[in-house]
Every structure is written in structure tokens, then in C-alpha cells.
Amino acid sequence: MVKEKKVRRKRIKFSVSANSESKVYVAGDFNNWDPSNKELKDANGDGSFEGSILLEPGKYEYKFVVDKTWTIDPQCDEWKTNGYGSINSLINI
């Protein structure tokens, strides 16, 4: 009998600054690039939006969607060009 190795997912925190009245989401290959799947919250009303996602080890591409505008993560220092003539932020877990 072969035991399956259980993959440990890690809670990854995403954060970005935006106008406190904004609607902010994170979209990436971890949620099929759905621009309204994972909303980030501004708990203190100071324009600092945060949220977390459980992800398995691997490399993921993502972008923030701020008021329906797709943007890279300004705090991320690793990017990859995409098929739309722009770049995506990368995270390696």
C-alpha cells in the first residue's frame, strides 16, 4: 500500500494600498483569473486592503483589480509577461 503525501497549503497574505472607497480584489491563476472572486478588505478605513488565500506550494501569477482596473503588485519584485502585452506579478510558495 502506497501512502499519499499530503500537500500542505500555506495561508498567503495579499495587500495593496488604494483609495479607501475602492473595491479591491486579487485575481490569478489560483482562482482562474476571476476579477471578483477574492475581495480584499480595508479593515481600518486607511486605504490598506488585505486578504489571504490558502495555496499549495508552487509559482503563481496574479494581479490586483482596483475599481475594475487590473494592476501589478507594487510590492512584488518578480514579474512575468503575459499574452495581453502587460506583466503579471509572481509569487513562489
N, C-alpha and C. Protein backbone atom coordinates (compact mmCIF):
# COMPACT_ATOMS: atom_id res chain seq x y z
N MET A 1 0.85 -1.18 0.00
CA MET A 1 0.00 0.00 0.00
C MET A 1 0.89 1.24 0.00
N VAL A 2 0.62 2.16 -0.91
CA VAL A 2 1.39 3.39 -1.03
C VAL A 2 0.62 4.52 -0.36
N LYS A 3 1.30 5.19 0.55
CA LYS A 3 0.66 6.33 1.21
C LYS A 3 0.82 7.57 0.35
N GLU A 4 -0.27 8.32 0.23
CA GLU A 4 -0.20 9.58 -0.49
C GLU A 4 0.39 10.64 0.43
N LYS A 5 1.28 11.41 -0.13
CA LYS A 5 1.87 12.50 0.63
C LYS A 5 0.90 13.68 0.61
N LYS A 6 0.55 14.16 1.78
CA LYS A 6 -0.39 15.28 1.88
C LYS A 6 0.35 16.58 1.63
N VAL A 7 -0.18 17.37 0.69
CA VAL A 7 0.43 18.66 0.36
C VAL A 7 -0.09 19.69 1.36
N ARG A 8 0.84 20.40 1.97
CA ARG A 8 0.47 21.42 2.96
C ARG A 8 0.27 22.74 2.27
N ARG A 9 -0.91 23.26 2.40
CA ARG A 9 -1.19 24.58 1.87
C ARG A 9 -0.76 25.63 2.88
N LYS A 10 -0.38 26.79 2.37
CA LYS A 10 0.04 27.89 3.23
C LYS A 10 -0.91 29.06 3.04
N ARG A 11 -1.17 29.76 4.12
CA ARG A 11 -2.00 30.96 4.05
C ARG A 11 -1.12 32.12 3.58
N ILE A 12 -1.44 32.65 2.40
CA ILE A 12 -0.66 33.72 1.79
C ILE A 12 -1.46 35.01 1.88
N LYS A 13 -0.82 36.04 2.41
CA LYS A 13 -1.46 37.34 2.60
C LYS A 13 -1.15 38.24 1.41
N PHE A 14 -2.20 38.82 0.85
CA PHE A 14 -2.07 39.80 -0.22
C PHE A 14 -2.47 41.16 0.34
N SER A 15 -1.72 42.19 -0.01
CA SER A 15 -2.06 43.53 0.47
C SER A 15 -1.65 44.56 -0.57
N VAL A 16 -2.45 45.63 -0.64
CA VAL A 16 -2.18 46.72 -1.57
C VAL A 16 -2.85 47.99 -1.05
N SER A 17 -2.28 49.12 -1.36
CA SER A 17 -2.86 50.40 -0.98
C SER A 17 -3.71 50.95 -2.11
N ALA A 18 -4.84 51.53 -1.74
CA ALA A 18 -5.75 52.14 -2.71
C ALA A 18 -6.62 53.15 -1.97
N ASN A 19 -7.38 53.91 -2.72
CA ASN A 19 -8.33 54.84 -2.11
C ASN A 19 -9.26 54.05 -1.20
N SER A 20 -9.52 54.55 -0.01
CA SER A 20 -10.32 53.81 0.98
C SER A 20 -11.74 53.52 0.49
N GLU A 21 -12.21 54.22 -0.53
CA GLU A 21 -13.55 53.99 -1.09
C GLU A 21 -13.54 52.94 -2.21
N SER A 22 -12.38 52.41 -2.54
CA SER A 22 -12.23 51.48 -3.67
C SER A 22 -12.79 50.10 -3.37
N LYS A 23 -13.05 49.37 -4.44
CA LYS A 23 -13.33 47.94 -4.38
C LYS A 23 -12.07 47.27 -4.90
N VAL A 24 -11.48 46.37 -4.10
CA VAL A 24 -10.20 45.78 -4.44
C VAL A 24 -10.30 44.26 -4.36
N TYR A 25 -9.77 43.59 -5.38
CA TYR A 25 -9.77 42.13 -5.46
C TYR A 25 -8.38 41.67 -5.86
N VAL A 26 -8.09 40.38 -5.63
CA VAL A 26 -6.88 39.77 -6.17
C VAL A 26 -7.36 38.63 -7.08
N ALA A 27 -6.76 38.57 -8.26
CA ALA A 27 -7.09 37.54 -9.24
C ALA A 27 -5.80 36.94 -9.77
N GLY A 28 -5.82 35.64 -10.00
CA GLY A 28 -4.63 34.98 -10.51
C GLY A 28 -4.94 33.59 -11.01
N ASP A 29 -3.89 32.88 -11.37
CA ASP A 29 -4.13 31.53 -11.86
C ASP A 29 -4.62 30.60 -10.75
N PHE A 30 -4.56 31.04 -9.50
CA PHE A 30 -5.08 30.25 -8.38
C PHE A 30 -6.61 30.35 -8.27
N ASN A 31 -7.24 31.32 -8.94
CA ASN A 31 -8.71 31.41 -8.92
C ASN A 31 -9.27 31.67 -10.32
N ASN A 32 -8.58 31.11 -11.33
CA ASN A 32 -8.99 31.21 -12.73
C ASN A 32 -9.15 32.66 -13.19
N TRP A 33 -8.35 33.56 -12.63
CA TRP A 33 -8.34 34.97 -13.01
C TRP A 33 -9.71 35.62 -12.87
N ASP A 34 -10.46 35.19 -11.90
CA ASP A 34 -11.79 35.76 -11.65
C ASP A 34 -11.63 37.10 -10.95
N PRO A 35 -11.99 38.22 -11.59
CA PRO A 35 -11.74 39.54 -11.01
C PRO A 35 -12.67 39.92 -9.87
N SER A 36 -13.58 39.05 -9.49
CA SER A 36 -14.46 39.36 -8.36
C SER A 36 -14.58 38.20 -7.38
N ASN A 37 -13.63 37.27 -7.44
CA ASN A 37 -13.68 36.08 -6.59
C ASN A 37 -13.16 36.33 -5.18
N LYS A 38 -12.05 37.06 -5.05
CA LYS A 38 -11.43 37.26 -3.74
C LYS A 38 -11.27 38.74 -3.45
N GLU A 39 -12.24 39.28 -2.69
CA GLU A 39 -12.20 40.69 -2.33
C GLU A 39 -11.25 40.91 -1.17
N LEU A 40 -10.47 41.98 -1.26
CA LEU A 40 -9.59 42.38 -0.17
C LEU A 40 -10.31 43.46 0.63
N LYS A 41 -10.10 43.48 1.92
CA LYS A 41 -10.82 44.40 2.81
C LYS A 41 -9.89 45.45 3.40
N ASP A 42 -10.46 46.63 3.59
CA ASP A 42 -9.76 47.74 4.24
C ASP A 42 -10.36 47.86 5.65
N ALA A 43 -9.86 47.07 6.57
CA ALA A 43 -10.45 46.95 7.91
C ALA A 43 -10.41 48.25 8.70
N ASN A 44 -9.39 49.08 8.48
CA ASN A 44 -9.23 50.30 9.27
C ASN A 44 -9.66 51.57 8.54
N GLY A 45 -10.10 51.43 7.30
CA GLY A 45 -10.51 52.58 6.53
C GLY A 45 -9.37 53.51 6.15
N ASP A 46 -8.13 52.96 6.13
CA ASP A 46 -6.96 53.78 5.84
C ASP A 46 -6.37 53.55 4.45
N GLY A 47 -7.09 52.79 3.61
CA GLY A 47 -6.61 52.53 2.26
C GLY A 47 -5.67 51.35 2.14
N SER A 48 -5.49 50.59 3.21
CA SER A 48 -4.66 49.39 3.19
C SER A 48 -5.56 48.16 3.09
N PHE A 49 -5.63 47.57 1.90
CA PHE A 49 -6.51 46.43 1.64
C PHE A 49 -5.74 45.13 1.81
N GLU A 50 -6.34 44.16 2.51
CA GLU A 50 -5.67 42.90 2.78
C GLU A 50 -6.64 41.73 2.67
N GLY A 51 -6.08 40.58 2.40
CA GLY A 51 -6.83 39.33 2.38
C GLY A 51 -5.85 38.19 2.25
N SER A 52 -6.29 36.99 2.54
CA SER A 52 -5.39 35.84 2.44
C SER A 52 -6.09 34.69 1.73
N ILE A 53 -5.26 33.84 1.14
CA ILE A 53 -5.73 32.67 0.39
C ILE A 53 -4.84 31.49 0.76
N LEU A 54 -5.43 30.31 0.94
CA LEU A 54 -4.66 29.09 1.15
C LEU A 54 -4.19 28.57 -0.19
N LEU A 55 -2.87 28.43 -0.35
CA LEU A 55 -2.31 27.97 -1.62
C LEU A 55 -1.33 26.84 -1.39
N GLU A 56 -1.32 25.91 -2.34
CA GLU A 56 -0.35 24.82 -2.32
C GLU A 56 1.00 25.35 -2.81
N PRO A 57 2.10 24.67 -2.47
CA PRO A 57 3.40 25.11 -2.97
C PRO A 57 3.41 25.19 -4.49
N GLY A 58 4.07 26.20 -5.01
CA GLY A 58 4.16 26.39 -6.46
C GLY A 58 4.38 27.85 -6.79
N LYS A 59 4.39 28.15 -8.06
CA LYS A 59 4.56 29.51 -8.56
C LYS A 59 3.23 29.97 -9.13
N TYR A 60 2.81 31.17 -8.74
CA TYR A 60 1.52 31.69 -9.16
C TYR A 60 1.67 33.09 -9.75
N GLU A 61 0.89 33.36 -10.80
CA GLU A 61 0.79 34.69 -11.37
C GLU A 61 -0.48 35.33 -10.83
N TYR A 62 -0.42 36.65 -10.61
CA TYR A 62 -1.60 37.34 -10.09
C TYR A 62 -1.55 38.83 -10.40
N LYS A 63 -2.69 39.49 -10.23
CA LYS A 63 -2.81 40.94 -10.32
C LYS A 63 -3.87 41.38 -9.34
N PHE A 64 -3.80 42.64 -8.96
CA PHE A 64 -4.88 43.25 -8.18
C PHE A 64 -5.86 43.89 -9.15
N VAL A 65 -7.12 43.92 -8.77
CA VAL A 65 -8.15 44.59 -9.55
C VAL A 65 -8.72 45.67 -8.65
N VAL A 66 -8.35 46.92 -8.94
CA VAL A 66 -8.76 48.06 -8.13
C VAL A 66 -9.78 48.86 -8.93
N ASP A 67 -11.02 48.87 -8.45
CA ASP A 67 -12.10 49.57 -9.17
C ASP A 67 -12.13 49.16 -10.64
N LYS A 68 -12.05 47.86 -10.88
CA LYS A 68 -12.12 47.23 -12.21
C LYS A 68 -10.89 47.48 -13.08
N THR A 69 -9.82 48.06 -12.51
CA THR A 69 -8.58 48.26 -13.25
C THR A 69 -7.54 47.25 -12.77
N TRP A 70 -7.01 46.47 -13.72
CA TRP A 70 -6.01 45.45 -13.40
C TRP A 70 -4.66 46.12 -13.19
N THR A 71 -3.97 45.75 -12.11
CA THR A 71 -2.68 46.35 -11.79
C THR A 71 -1.75 45.32 -11.14
N ILE A 72 -0.46 45.49 -11.36
CA ILE A 72 0.51 44.59 -10.72
C ILE A 72 0.64 44.96 -9.24
N ASP A 73 1.26 44.09 -8.51
CA ASP A 73 1.54 44.33 -7.10
C ASP A 73 2.79 45.20 -7.00
N PRO A 74 2.66 46.45 -6.55
CA PRO A 74 3.83 47.33 -6.49
C PRO A 74 4.88 46.88 -5.48
N GLN A 75 4.53 45.98 -4.57
CA GLN A 75 5.48 45.49 -3.57
C GLN A 75 6.20 44.22 -4.03
N CYS A 76 5.79 43.68 -5.16
CA CYS A 76 6.37 42.44 -5.68
C CYS A 76 7.54 42.80 -6.60
N ASP A 77 8.64 42.06 -6.48
CA ASP A 77 9.80 42.35 -7.32
C ASP A 77 10.04 41.29 -8.39
N GLU A 78 9.05 40.43 -8.60
CA GLU A 78 9.17 39.40 -9.63
C GLU A 78 7.92 39.43 -10.52
N TRP A 79 8.15 39.53 -11.84
CA TRP A 79 7.04 39.62 -12.78
C TRP A 79 7.26 38.69 -13.96
N LYS A 80 6.17 38.49 -14.72
CA LYS A 80 6.23 37.67 -15.93
C LYS A 80 5.34 38.31 -16.98
N THR A 81 5.83 38.37 -18.23
CA THR A 81 4.99 38.92 -19.29
C THR A 81 3.84 37.96 -19.55
N ASN A 82 2.71 38.54 -19.95
CA ASN A 82 1.54 37.71 -20.25
C ASN A 82 1.16 37.88 -21.72
N GLY A 83 0.13 37.20 -22.15
CA GLY A 83 -0.31 37.24 -23.54
C GLY A 83 -1.12 38.46 -23.90
N TYR A 84 -1.22 39.42 -23.01
CA TYR A 84 -2.02 40.62 -23.27
C TYR A 84 -1.17 41.88 -23.39
N GLY A 85 0.14 41.70 -23.52
CA GLY A 85 1.03 42.84 -23.69
C GLY A 85 1.38 43.57 -22.42
N SER A 86 1.13 42.94 -21.28
CA SER A 86 1.49 43.55 -19.99
C SER A 86 2.20 42.50 -19.14
N ILE A 87 2.34 42.78 -17.86
CA ILE A 87 3.02 41.84 -16.97
C ILE A 87 2.13 41.45 -15.81
N ASN A 88 2.42 40.30 -15.24
CA ASN A 88 1.75 39.79 -14.03
C ASN A 88 2.77 39.71 -12.92
N SER A 89 2.31 39.90 -11.70
CA SER A 89 3.15 39.69 -10.54
C SER A 89 3.28 38.19 -10.30
N LEU A 90 4.40 37.77 -9.73
CA LEU A 90 4.65 36.35 -9.43
C LEU A 90 4.88 36.15 -7.95
N ILE A 91 4.37 35.04 -7.45
CA ILE A 91 4.65 34.64 -6.08
C ILE A 91 5.06 33.17 -6.10
N ASN A 92 6.12 32.86 -5.38
CA ASN A 92 6.64 31.49 -5.31
C ASN A 92 6.47 31.00 -3.89
N ILE A 93 5.71 29.93 -3.72
CA ILE A 93 5.41 29.39 -2.38
C ILE A 93 6.15 28.08 -2.19
